[in-house]
Amino acid sequence: APLFARKARMGKSREDADMFGPTLVVAAGGVSRAGRPRLPIRLMVSLLYLKHAFNESDESVVERWSENVVWQLFSGMEYYQSKLPCDA
């Protein structure tokens, strides 16, 4: 999981001029918030395992996961969720 964590990027510093004179600006620094928030690694690995173990398709494994409490417990969920865990 640490290898897939979002990492801070070092920004590029450049000089910019405004009405008060030249200033140093850091562009494109920090942690990017672009895109969809990630899902837990344990959930994704357990879905892949269940797909392989029960010979399911992507669509059917997420539907069965939403109906099966044991599969949700196996994937690290603490409470029952009736919604789909992710897009197929």
N, C-alpha and C. Protein backbone atom coordinates (compact mmCIF):
# COMPACT_ATOMS: atom_id res chain seq x y z
N ALA A 1 0.81 -1.21 0.00
CA ALA A 1 0.00 0.00 0.00
C ALA A 1 0.85 1.27 0.00
N PRO A 2 1.99 1.33 0.71
CA PRO A 2 2.77 2.57 0.67
C PRO A 2 3.29 2.91 -0.72
N LEU A 3 3.50 1.92 -1.55
CA LEU A 3 4.00 2.20 -2.90
C LEU A 3 2.96 2.88 -3.76
N PHE A 4 1.67 2.67 -3.46
CA PHE A 4 0.61 3.26 -4.24
C PHE A 4 0.07 4.56 -3.64
N ALA A 5 0.62 4.99 -2.53
CA ALA A 5 0.14 6.21 -1.88
C ALA A 5 0.49 7.43 -2.73
N ARG A 6 -0.32 8.44 -2.63
CA ARG A 6 -0.03 9.67 -3.35
C ARG A 6 1.19 10.33 -2.71
N LYS A 7 2.08 10.78 -3.55
CA LYS A 7 3.31 11.39 -3.07
C LYS A 7 3.31 12.86 -3.43
N ALA A 8 3.93 13.64 -2.57
CA ALA A 8 4.05 15.07 -2.84
C ALA A 8 5.05 15.28 -3.96
N ARG A 9 4.72 16.18 -4.86
CA ARG A 9 5.62 16.50 -5.96
C ARG A 9 6.36 17.79 -5.64
N MET A 10 7.60 17.81 -6.05
CA MET A 10 8.36 19.05 -5.90
C MET A 10 7.93 19.99 -7.02
N GLY A 11 7.63 21.20 -6.66
CA GLY A 11 7.19 22.16 -7.66
C GLY A 11 8.36 22.75 -8.42
N LYS A 12 8.06 23.37 -9.53
CA LYS A 12 9.07 24.06 -10.32
C LYS A 12 8.99 25.54 -9.99
N SER A 13 10.11 26.09 -9.60
CA SER A 13 10.11 27.52 -9.28
C SER A 13 10.46 28.31 -10.53
N ARG A 14 9.73 29.40 -10.69
CA ARG A 14 9.99 30.29 -11.82
C ARG A 14 9.76 31.72 -11.37
N GLU A 15 10.37 32.61 -12.10
CA GLU A 15 10.21 34.02 -11.77
C GLU A 15 9.02 34.58 -12.51
N ASP A 16 8.26 35.36 -11.80
CA ASP A 16 7.07 35.97 -12.38
C ASP A 16 7.12 37.46 -12.06
N ALA A 17 6.58 38.23 -12.93
CA ALA A 17 6.57 39.68 -12.70
C ALA A 17 5.14 40.15 -12.56
N ASP A 18 4.92 40.96 -11.55
CA ASP A 18 3.62 41.59 -11.40
C ASP A 18 3.84 43.08 -11.19
N MET A 19 2.84 43.80 -10.76
CA MET A 19 2.97 45.25 -10.66
C MET A 19 3.89 45.69 -9.52
N PHE A 20 4.25 44.76 -8.62
CA PHE A 20 5.16 45.10 -7.53
C PHE A 20 6.59 44.70 -7.81
N GLY A 21 6.84 44.11 -8.97
CA GLY A 21 8.19 43.70 -9.33
C GLY A 21 8.30 42.19 -9.47
N PRO A 22 9.52 41.70 -9.67
CA PRO A 22 9.70 40.26 -9.86
C PRO A 22 9.48 39.49 -8.55
N THR A 23 8.81 38.33 -8.66
CA THR A 23 8.60 37.45 -7.52
C THR A 23 8.91 36.02 -7.93
N LEU A 24 9.21 35.19 -6.95
CA LEU A 24 9.49 33.79 -7.19
C LEU A 24 8.22 33.00 -6.92
N VAL A 25 7.76 32.22 -7.91
CA VAL A 25 6.51 31.46 -7.82
C VAL A 25 6.84 29.98 -7.95
N VAL A 26 6.22 29.15 -7.07
CA VAL A 26 6.37 27.70 -7.17
C VAL A 26 5.09 27.15 -7.79
N ALA A 27 5.24 26.48 -8.94
CA ALA A 27 4.08 25.96 -9.68
C ALA A 27 4.08 24.44 -9.65
N ALA A 28 2.90 23.86 -9.63
CA ALA A 28 2.69 22.40 -9.71
C ALA A 28 3.34 21.65 -8.55
N GLY A 29 3.26 22.19 -7.35
CA GLY A 29 3.79 21.50 -6.18
C GLY A 29 2.69 20.95 -5.32
N GLY A 30 3.00 20.07 -4.41
CA GLY A 30 2.03 19.51 -3.49
C GLY A 30 1.49 18.18 -3.95
N VAL A 31 0.41 17.73 -3.30
CA VAL A 31 -0.22 16.46 -3.60
C VAL A 31 -1.40 16.71 -4.52
N SER A 32 -1.45 15.99 -5.63
CA SER A 32 -2.53 16.16 -6.59
C SER A 32 -3.83 15.57 -6.06
N ARG A 33 -4.91 16.26 -6.18
CA ARG A 33 -6.22 15.78 -5.80
C ARG A 33 -7.05 15.43 -7.03
N ALA A 34 -6.41 15.36 -8.17
CA ALA A 34 -7.13 15.06 -9.40
C ALA A 34 -7.55 13.60 -9.42
N GLY A 35 -8.66 13.34 -10.03
CA GLY A 35 -9.12 11.96 -10.18
C GLY A 35 -9.98 11.49 -9.03
N ARG A 36 -10.39 10.27 -9.14
CA ARG A 36 -11.26 9.64 -8.16
C ARG A 36 -10.47 9.21 -6.94
N PRO A 37 -11.02 9.29 -5.73
CA PRO A 37 -10.30 8.79 -4.55
C PRO A 37 -10.07 7.28 -4.67
N ARG A 38 -8.95 6.84 -4.17
CA ARG A 38 -8.62 5.42 -4.32
C ARG A 38 -9.43 4.57 -3.35
N LEU A 39 -9.55 3.31 -3.70
CA LEU A 39 -10.23 2.34 -2.85
C LEU A 39 -9.19 1.55 -2.07
N PRO A 40 -9.58 0.97 -0.94
CA PRO A 40 -8.60 0.21 -0.15
C PRO A 40 -8.00 -0.96 -0.94
N ILE A 41 -6.71 -1.18 -0.76
CA ILE A 41 -6.00 -2.25 -1.47
C ILE A 41 -6.60 -3.61 -1.10
N ARG A 42 -6.95 -3.79 0.17
CA ARG A 42 -7.50 -5.08 0.59
C ARG A 42 -8.81 -5.39 -0.14
N LEU A 43 -9.64 -4.38 -0.35
CA LEU A 43 -10.89 -4.57 -1.08
C LEU A 43 -10.60 -5.01 -2.51
N MET A 44 -9.70 -4.34 -3.18
CA MET A 44 -9.42 -4.65 -4.58
C MET A 44 -8.79 -6.03 -4.74
N VAL A 45 -7.88 -6.39 -3.84
CA VAL A 45 -7.25 -7.71 -3.91
C VAL A 45 -8.27 -8.80 -3.61
N SER A 46 -9.13 -8.57 -2.64
CA SER A 46 -10.14 -9.60 -2.32
C SER A 46 -11.13 -9.76 -3.47
N LEU A 47 -11.49 -8.68 -4.15
CA LEU A 47 -12.38 -8.81 -5.31
C LEU A 47 -11.72 -9.60 -6.42
N LEU A 48 -10.43 -9.36 -6.65
CA LEU A 48 -9.71 -10.14 -7.66
C LEU A 48 -9.64 -11.62 -7.28
N TYR A 49 -9.40 -11.90 -6.00
CA TYR A 49 -9.34 -13.29 -5.55
C TYR A 49 -10.70 -13.97 -5.71
N LEU A 50 -11.77 -13.30 -5.27
CA LEU A 50 -13.11 -13.89 -5.36
C LEU A 50 -13.52 -14.10 -6.82
N LYS A 51 -13.12 -13.18 -7.67
CA LYS A 51 -13.41 -13.34 -9.10
C LYS A 51 -12.73 -14.59 -9.65
N HIS A 52 -11.48 -14.79 -9.28
CA HIS A 52 -10.75 -15.97 -9.76
C HIS A 52 -11.26 -17.26 -9.11
N ALA A 53 -11.52 -17.23 -7.81
CA ALA A 53 -11.92 -18.44 -7.10
C ALA A 53 -13.29 -18.96 -7.53
N PHE A 54 -14.21 -18.07 -7.84
CA PHE A 54 -15.56 -18.48 -8.19
C PHE A 54 -15.85 -18.33 -9.69
N ASN A 55 -14.81 -18.03 -10.48
CA ASN A 55 -14.93 -17.91 -11.94
C ASN A 55 -16.06 -16.96 -12.32
N GLU A 56 -16.00 -15.76 -11.78
CA GLU A 56 -17.03 -14.75 -12.00
C GLU A 56 -16.54 -13.70 -12.99
N SER A 57 -17.46 -12.96 -13.56
CA SER A 57 -17.11 -11.80 -14.37
C SER A 57 -16.99 -10.59 -13.46
N ASP A 58 -16.50 -9.49 -14.00
CA ASP A 58 -16.36 -8.27 -13.20
C ASP A 58 -17.71 -7.81 -12.66
N GLU A 59 -18.71 -7.82 -13.51
CA GLU A 59 -20.04 -7.34 -13.10
C GLU A 59 -20.66 -8.24 -12.04
N SER A 60 -20.54 -9.55 -12.22
CA SER A 60 -21.19 -10.46 -11.27
C SER A 60 -20.48 -10.51 -9.93
N VAL A 61 -19.16 -10.32 -9.91
CA VAL A 61 -18.47 -10.37 -8.62
C VAL A 61 -18.82 -9.16 -7.75
N VAL A 62 -18.99 -7.98 -8.34
CA VAL A 62 -19.37 -6.83 -7.51
C VAL A 62 -20.83 -6.94 -7.07
N GLU A 63 -21.69 -7.55 -7.90
CA GLU A 63 -23.08 -7.75 -7.48
C GLU A 63 -23.18 -8.77 -6.35
N ARG A 64 -22.45 -9.87 -6.47
CA ARG A 64 -22.47 -10.88 -5.40
C ARG A 64 -21.84 -10.33 -4.13
N TRP A 65 -20.80 -9.49 -4.27
CA TRP A 65 -20.15 -8.89 -3.10
C TRP A 65 -21.15 -8.03 -2.33
N SER A 66 -21.98 -7.28 -3.05
CA SER A 66 -22.94 -6.39 -2.37
C SER A 66 -24.04 -7.17 -1.66
N GLU A 67 -24.25 -8.44 -2.03
CA GLU A 67 -25.29 -9.26 -1.41
C GLU A 67 -24.76 -10.21 -0.34
N ASN A 68 -23.45 -10.41 -0.26
CA ASN A 68 -22.87 -11.44 0.58
C ASN A 68 -22.08 -10.82 1.75
N VAL A 69 -22.56 -11.03 2.95
CA VAL A 69 -21.92 -10.47 4.14
C VAL A 69 -20.55 -11.09 4.38
N VAL A 70 -20.40 -12.37 4.12
CA VAL A 70 -19.13 -13.06 4.34
C VAL A 70 -18.05 -12.50 3.41
N TRP A 71 -18.39 -12.25 2.16
CA TRP A 71 -17.42 -11.67 1.23
C TRP A 71 -17.01 -10.28 1.68
N GLN A 72 -17.94 -9.51 2.22
CA GLN A 72 -17.61 -8.17 2.69
C GLN A 72 -16.69 -8.24 3.91
N LEU A 73 -16.94 -9.17 4.80
CA LEU A 73 -16.07 -9.35 5.96
C LEU A 73 -14.67 -9.78 5.51
N PHE A 74 -14.61 -10.67 4.52
CA PHE A 74 -13.34 -11.13 3.97
C PHE A 74 -12.54 -9.97 3.36
N SER A 75 -13.24 -9.02 2.78
CA SER A 75 -12.54 -7.90 2.14
C SER A 75 -12.25 -6.75 3.09
N GLY A 76 -12.53 -6.93 4.39
CA GLY A 76 -12.12 -5.94 5.37
C GLY A 76 -13.17 -4.92 5.76
N MET A 77 -14.40 -5.09 5.31
CA MET A 77 -15.45 -4.15 5.68
C MET A 77 -15.92 -4.44 7.11
N GLU A 78 -16.22 -3.41 7.85
CA GLU A 78 -16.67 -3.57 9.22
C GLU A 78 -18.18 -3.69 9.32
N TYR A 79 -18.90 -3.07 8.38
CA TYR A 79 -20.35 -3.07 8.39
C TYR A 79 -20.87 -3.51 7.02
N TYR A 80 -22.08 -4.05 7.00
CA TYR A 80 -22.71 -4.48 5.75
C TYR A 80 -23.04 -3.26 4.90
N GLN A 81 -22.72 -3.34 3.61
CA GLN A 81 -23.04 -2.29 2.65
C GLN A 81 -23.84 -2.90 1.51
N SER A 82 -24.99 -2.34 1.22
CA SER A 82 -25.81 -2.89 0.14
C SER A 82 -25.45 -2.31 -1.22
N LYS A 83 -24.60 -1.28 -1.25
CA LYS A 83 -24.22 -0.68 -2.53
C LYS A 83 -23.00 -1.40 -3.10
N LEU A 84 -22.78 -1.21 -4.39
CA LEU A 84 -21.64 -1.83 -5.06
C LEU A 84 -20.34 -1.20 -4.54
N PRO A 85 -19.28 -2.00 -4.39
CA PRO A 85 -18.03 -1.47 -3.84
C PRO A 85 -17.28 -0.58 -4.82
N CYS A 86 -17.44 -0.84 -6.12
CA CYS A 86 -16.74 -0.07 -7.15
C CYS A 86 -17.43 -0.31 -8.48
N ASP A 87 -16.99 0.40 -9.50
CA ASP A 87 -17.49 0.14 -10.84
C ASP A 87 -16.89 -1.16 -11.35
N ALA A 88 -17.69 -1.91 -12.06
CA ALA A 88 -17.19 -3.18 -12.60
C ALA A 88 -16.17 -2.88 -13.68
